[in-house]
Protein backbone atom coordinates (compact mmCIF):
# COMPACT_ATOMS: atom_id res chain seq x y z
CA MET A 1 -76.56 76.20 238.34
CA ALA A 2 -73.31 74.42 238.07
CA ALA A 3 -73.07 75.66 234.75
CA TYR A 4 -73.73 79.25 236.24
CA GLN A 5 -71.71 78.82 239.60
CA LEU A 6 -68.86 77.51 237.52
CA ALA A 7 -68.90 80.56 235.34
CA GLN A 8 -69.00 82.88 238.10
CA GLU A 9 -65.51 80.96 239.61
CA ARG A 10 -63.93 81.29 236.60
CA LEU A 11 -64.67 85.35 236.27
CA ALA A 12 -63.14 85.45 239.98
CA ALA A 13 -60.03 83.12 238.43
CA GLU A 14 -59.66 85.13 236.00
CA PHE A 15 -59.50 88.23 237.89
CA ALA A 16 -57.09 86.50 240.30
CA ALA A 17 -54.49 85.61 237.75
CA ARG A 18 -54.26 88.50 236.06
CA TRP A 19 -53.69 90.21 239.12
CA ALA A 20 -51.24 88.49 240.29
CA ALA A 21 -49.49 88.37 236.70
CA THR A 22 -49.70 92.06 237.40
CA LEU A 23 -48.43 92.16 241.20
CA ALA A 24 -45.25 89.37 240.08
CA ALA A 25 -44.43 92.29 237.58
CA VAL A 26 -43.11 94.21 240.39
CA GLU A 27 -40.04 93.61 242.40
CA ALA A 28 -41.15 93.06 245.55
CA ARG A 29 -38.63 96.17 246.84
CA GLU A 30 -40.40 98.24 244.30
CA ILE A 31 -44.14 97.51 245.04
CA ALA A 32 -44.14 100.62 248.32
CA GLY A 33 -42.99 102.98 245.00
CA SER A 34 -45.77 101.50 242.57
CA LEU A 35 -48.72 101.63 244.61
CA ALA A 36 -50.69 104.28 242.93
CA ASP A 37 -50.61 102.39 239.74
CA LEU A 38 -50.89 99.18 241.49
CA GLU A 39 -54.27 100.33 242.92
CA ALA A 40 -55.62 101.98 239.65
CA ALA A 41 -54.73 98.35 237.83
CA TYR A 42 -56.51 96.51 240.90
CA VAL A 43 -59.68 98.68 241.11
CA ALA A 44 -60.30 98.38 237.19
CA ALA A 45 -59.85 94.46 236.39
CA ILE A 46 -62.43 94.18 240.02
CA ARG A 47 -64.96 96.85 237.87
CA GLU A 48 -64.46 95.14 234.91
CA SER A 49 -64.56 91.38 235.72
CA ALA A 50 -67.93 93.01 238.19
CA ALA A 51 -69.56 93.76 235.45
CA LEU A 52 -69.81 90.54 233.56
CA SER A 53 -70.21 89.20 236.77
CA ARG A 54 -73.20 91.59 236.91
CA THR A 55 -74.24 90.58 233.03
CA LEU A 56 -74.51 86.92 233.89
CA SER A 57 -75.93 87.22 237.16
CA VAL A 58 -78.84 88.91 235.17
CA ALA A 59 -78.94 86.10 232.72
CA PHE A 60 -79.19 83.49 234.76
CA TYR A 61 -82.34 85.11 237.32
CA ARG A 62 -83.98 86.04 234.03
CA LEU A 63 -84.02 82.44 232.50
CA VAL A 64 -84.94 80.84 236.45
CA ARG A 65 -87.75 83.14 236.90
CA ALA A 66 -89.09 82.23 232.95
CA LEU A 67 -88.69 78.66 233.87
CA GLU A 68 -90.35 79.06 236.96
CA THR A 69 -93.39 81.44 236.14
CA GLY A 70 -93.77 80.80 232.38
CA ARG A 71 -92.99 84.85 232.13
CA VAL A 72 -89.72 86.79 230.73
CA ILE A 73 -88.58 89.77 233.21
CA GLY A 74 -87.43 93.51 231.45
CA GLY A 75 -84.65 95.71 232.38
CA PRO A 76 -80.90 95.15 231.16
CA GLY A 77 -80.49 92.36 228.61
CA TYR A 78 -83.96 91.82 227.73
CA ARG A 79 -85.00 91.33 224.15
CA PRO A 80 -88.31 91.83 222.64
CA ALA A 81 -90.51 88.15 221.81
CA SER A 82 -87.73 86.43 223.93
CA SER A 83 -88.09 83.25 224.43
CA LEU A 84 -87.05 80.28 226.37
CA GLY A 85 -85.03 79.41 223.51
CA SER A 86 -83.46 82.62 223.54
CA LEU A 87 -83.08 82.84 227.55
CA TRP A 88 -81.09 79.78 227.00
CA ALA A 89 -78.94 80.40 224.51
CA GLU A 90 -77.69 83.96 226.27
CA PHE A 91 -77.12 82.06 229.28
CA ASN A 92 -74.87 79.40 227.23
CA THR A 93 -73.26 82.12 225.52
CA LEU A 94 -71.86 83.75 228.85
CA THR A 95 -71.25 80.09 230.64
CA GLY A 96 -69.50 79.06 227.71
CA THR A 97 -71.38 75.60 228.20
CA ARG A 98 -74.45 74.30 226.53
CA THR A 99 -76.69 73.19 229.19
CA GLY A 100 -80.36 73.50 228.13
CA SER A 101 -82.66 75.13 225.53
CA GLY A 102 -86.15 75.52 224.78
CA PRO A 103 -88.84 76.82 222.38
CA ARG A 104 -89.16 79.45 220.75
CA GLU A 105 -92.56 80.86 221.38
CA PRO A 106 -92.50 84.13 222.72
CA LEU A 107 -92.99 84.32 226.64
CA PRO A 108 -95.51 86.74 228.46
CA VAL A 109 -93.83 89.81 229.46
CA ASP A 110 -93.69 91.89 233.19
CA THR A 111 -92.02 95.05 231.85
CA ARG A 112 -90.85 95.93 235.65
CA ASN A 113 -86.99 96.39 235.91
CA PRO A 114 -85.78 94.91 239.00
CA PHE A 115 -82.45 95.20 238.41
CA PRO A 116 -80.33 97.71 239.99
CA ALA A 117 -78.52 100.11 238.05
CA ALA A 118 -74.31 99.64 238.87
CA ASP A 119 -73.22 101.92 240.88
CA LEU A 120 -70.39 102.53 239.72
CA ALA A 121 -68.70 105.19 242.75
CA ARG A 122 -69.71 102.66 245.39
CA GLU A 123 -67.65 99.72 243.38
CA ALA A 124 -64.63 102.25 243.27
CA ARG A 125 -65.38 102.98 246.91
CA ARG A 126 -65.37 99.61 247.77
CA ALA A 127 -62.12 98.33 245.68
CA GLU A 128 -59.60 101.16 247.08
CA GLU A 129 -60.97 100.25 250.43
CA THR A 130 -60.53 97.10 249.88
CA PHE A 131 -57.08 98.00 248.20
CA ARG A 132 -56.11 99.84 251.14
CA HIS A 133 -56.05 97.55 253.58
CA GLN A 134 -55.17 94.53 251.71
CA VAL A 135 -52.04 95.88 249.91
CA ALA A 136 -51.40 99.55 250.43
CA ASP A 137 -51.47 98.80 254.24
CA ARG A 138 -49.55 96.06 254.16
CA VAL A 139 -47.08 97.27 252.41
CA GLU A 140 -46.58 100.06 254.63
CA LYS A 141 -45.36 97.83 257.30
CA HIS A 142 -43.47 96.17 255.78
CA GLU A 143 -41.63 98.38 254.79
CA ARG A 144 -40.97 99.63 257.95
CA GLU A 145 -40.11 95.96 259.42
CA ARG A 146 -37.22 95.79 256.35
CA PRO A 147 -34.39 97.93 258.14
CA ALA A 148 -34.84 96.18 261.23
CA ARG A 149 -34.78 92.73 259.45
CA GLN A 150 -32.46 93.84 256.46
CA GLY A 151 -29.72 95.20 258.90
CA SER A 152 -25.94 94.38 257.96
CA ALA A 153 -27.60 91.19 255.70
CA ALA A 154 -26.22 91.72 251.75
CA LEU A 155 -29.93 92.02 249.44
CA ASP A 156 -29.15 87.85 248.76
CA ASP A 157 -28.99 87.21 252.17
CA PRO A 158 -31.16 83.54 252.09
CA GLU A 159 -33.13 84.39 255.16
CA LEU A 160 -34.17 88.23 253.91
CA VAL A 161 -35.03 86.59 250.82
CA ALA A 162 -37.52 83.75 251.72
CA TRP A 163 -39.17 86.37 254.22
CA GLU A 164 -39.72 89.14 251.31
CA ARG A 165 -41.38 85.84 249.11
CA GLU A 166 -43.65 84.87 252.03
CA PHE A 167 -44.79 88.92 252.15
CA ALA A 168 -45.62 88.68 248.29
CA GLU A 169 -47.22 85.66 248.50
CA SER A 170 -49.17 86.55 251.86
CA LEU A 171 -50.34 89.80 249.66
CA LYS A 172 -51.85 88.11 246.83
CA THR A 173 -53.49 85.83 248.51
CA GLY A 174 -55.18 88.64 250.56
CA SER A 175 -55.98 90.54 247.81
CA THR A 176 -56.57 88.29 245.89
CA GLY A 177 -58.99 86.96 247.67
CA ALA A 178 -60.50 89.89 248.92
CA GLY A 179 -60.90 91.20 245.21
CA GLY A 180 -62.28 87.69 243.93
CA MET A 181 -65.27 88.84 246.71
CA LEU A 182 -65.95 91.86 245.04
CA VAL A 183 -66.00 90.43 241.64
CA GLN A 184 -68.22 87.81 242.23
CA ASP A 185 -70.37 90.58 244.50
CA GLY A 186 -70.83 92.41 240.99
CA GLY A 187 -73.52 89.08 240.20
CA ARG A 188 -74.78 88.72 243.88
CA ASP A 189 -75.67 91.90 244.44
CA ALA A 190 -77.81 92.12 241.60
CA ILE A 191 -79.90 89.34 242.49
CA HIS A 192 -80.64 89.93 245.61
CA THR A 193 -81.66 93.41 245.15
CA ALA A 194 -84.06 92.11 242.15
CA LEU A 195 -85.43 89.72 244.52
CA GLN A 196 -86.55 92.38 246.68
CA ASP A 197 -88.12 94.71 244.38
CA ASP A 198 -89.82 91.99 242.14
CA PRO A 199 -93.30 90.76 243.10
CA GLY A 200 -92.78 87.66 241.45
CA ALA A 201 -89.71 86.60 243.44
CA ILE A 202 -90.33 84.90 246.87
CA GLY A 203 -86.68 84.99 248.15
CA TYR A 204 -83.66 82.78 247.62
CA TYR A 205 -81.39 79.93 248.92
CA ARG A 206 -77.27 79.70 249.02
CA ALA A 207 -75.60 77.13 246.55
CA THR A 208 -72.91 76.61 248.29
CA GLU A 209 -69.28 75.16 246.40
CA GLY A 210 -68.38 71.61 246.90
CA SER A 211 -66.24 72.20 250.45
CA PRO A 212 -67.82 75.11 251.78
CA CYS A 213 -66.79 76.97 254.78
CA TYR A 214 -68.21 76.39 258.38
CA PHE A 215 -70.32 79.84 258.08
CA CYS A 216 -71.33 78.82 254.44
CA ALA A 217 -73.18 75.27 255.59
CA LEU A 218 -74.83 77.47 258.50
CA MET A 219 -75.48 80.08 255.84
CA ALA A 220 -77.12 77.29 253.06
CA ALA A 221 -78.44 75.02 255.79
CA ARG A 222 -81.03 77.54 256.65
CA GLY A 223 -82.65 76.44 253.12
CA ALA A 224 -85.15 79.07 251.85
CA VAL A 225 -84.91 82.61 252.38
CA TYR A 226 -87.53 84.56 252.21
CA LYS A 227 -87.22 88.16 251.16
CA SER A 228 -87.92 90.88 253.71
CA LYS A 229 -85.47 93.25 255.69
CA ARG A 230 -84.01 90.86 257.79
CA THR A 231 -82.73 89.02 254.83
CA ALA A 232 -81.14 92.41 253.37
CA ALA A 233 -77.61 90.57 253.42
CA PHE A 234 -76.18 88.06 251.93
CA GLY A 235 -72.92 87.61 253.76
CA ALA A 236 -70.14 86.65 251.57
CA HIS A 237 -66.14 86.28 252.71
CA PRO A 238 -63.25 86.15 250.47
CA HIS A 239 -62.64 83.14 248.75
CA CYS A 240 -66.18 83.15 249.21
CA HIS A 241 -68.20 81.35 245.61
CA CYS A 242 -71.29 80.80 247.00
CA GLN A 243 -74.46 81.92 245.11
CA ALA A 244 -78.07 83.36 245.58
CA VAL A 245 -79.98 80.78 243.91
CA PRO A 246 -83.66 82.75 243.17
CA ILE A 247 -87.03 81.23 243.94
CA PHE A 248 -90.40 82.41 242.09
CA SER A 249 -92.07 79.18 243.49
CA ARG A 250 -93.30 77.59 246.87
CA ARG A 251 -92.59 74.29 244.60
CA TYR A 252 -89.05 75.19 244.70
CA GLN A 253 -86.33 72.22 245.09
CA LEU A 254 -83.64 72.42 247.45
CA PRO A 255 -80.01 70.98 245.81
CA ALA A 256 -78.88 67.79 248.48
CA ALA A 257 -76.28 69.71 250.28
CA ASN A 258 -78.60 72.55 251.68
CA ASP A 259 -80.47 69.65 253.13
CA LYS A 260 -77.90 67.48 254.12
CA PHE A 261 -76.23 71.33 255.90
CA ALA A 262 -79.89 71.06 257.67
CA ARG A 263 -79.89 68.17 259.01
CA MET A 264 -75.76 68.66 260.00
CA TRP A 265 -77.53 71.47 262.41
CA ARG A 266 -80.01 69.99 263.40
CA ASP A 267 -78.12 67.08 265.27
CA PHE A 268 -75.69 69.81 266.26
CA GLY A 269 -78.24 71.12 269.01
CA GLY A 270 -77.40 74.37 268.76
CA GLY A 271 -73.93 76.67 270.65
CA SER A 272 -71.70 79.36 269.81
CA LEU A 273 -70.65 79.52 266.27
CA ALA A 274 -67.22 78.38 267.50
CA ASP A 275 -69.36 75.67 268.95
CA TRP A 276 -70.81 74.71 265.23
CA ARG A 277 -67.65 75.27 263.68
CA THR A 278 -65.84 72.44 265.31
CA HIS A 279 -68.54 70.21 265.27
CA TYR A 280 -68.80 71.13 261.32
CA ARG A 281 -65.16 69.94 261.23
CA THR A 282 -65.37 66.79 263.15
CA THR A 283 -68.73 65.91 261.01
CA THR A 284 -67.00 66.14 257.64
CA LYS A 285 -63.98 64.76 258.61
CA THR A 286 -65.31 61.40 259.38
C-alpha cells in the first residue's frame, strides 16, 4: 500500500513541478495576456498525469483483488494467463519499486470489466473550471488592483515587487493543489467506480498520508466503508493524498492510523465539525 500511495503522490508532485516551471517562464505582468496558452498547458498536464494515475490504480486494484480472492479481474491492462507474479511485476514497474512477487501459475479469470472508461470530456471540463477559478479569475482580480497598487511607483519599487511576488506564489500554490487533486482523482475515481460495479468487492477504506488534515482523519476514522449509493463520493480536496483501498473480504485489516483516528473520534464524543477540528489539532499536538 505504501508504494502505491507514494507513487500517486509522486505523480501529483511531477505535475506540480511541470506546472510551476510553466508559470515561472511567464513574467507576472505578462500572465494576463498569456491565459489561453497557460490554460492549454494546465489542462494538458493534468490530463496526462491523471491518465498515469488511472493506469496505476487499475494495476493496484487488480493486484489487491487477486491477493484477496485468488482471481484476476478483466478490463484495461488485463493480460491472458495473468498470475500473481505478473501482476506484481506490473505493479512494481508502475511504482518504480520492488515491493512484492508471486508465483507464475495463471489465475482464474473474472472477465467482467468494472473499470469505467476515461471520461475525457468531463476531465477537460473539470480542469478548465479549476483553471478559471484558481488562475484566470485571480489574475483578473490582480490586474484590476494593480493600478491602485502601483500609482506613481516605479516598477522596481520594493513594495510593488513584494506584492507581485506574493501573488505569483499564491497563484502557484492554489493552482498546484487543485490540479494535483484532479491528477490523483484519475486513480481514485477509477477505484471508487470499479468497487460499485464489481460483485467481488465489498467496500473500501481511506488510507491517509502521514499527517492528514482533520477532515481526512475523520473520514479515515470511519474504517471500512461498504459500497452503497450513500458512499458514492470519496471526498478528496486540494493537497490531499488520501487513497481508496478496495476490500474484497471481511477478513481485512485496517492500518494502525485508521484505528488511531477511530479512537480519537470515540474520545471526542460528538459535536460539530469545527469542534472536531479543534479536538484533533489539540490531540495531535500533544
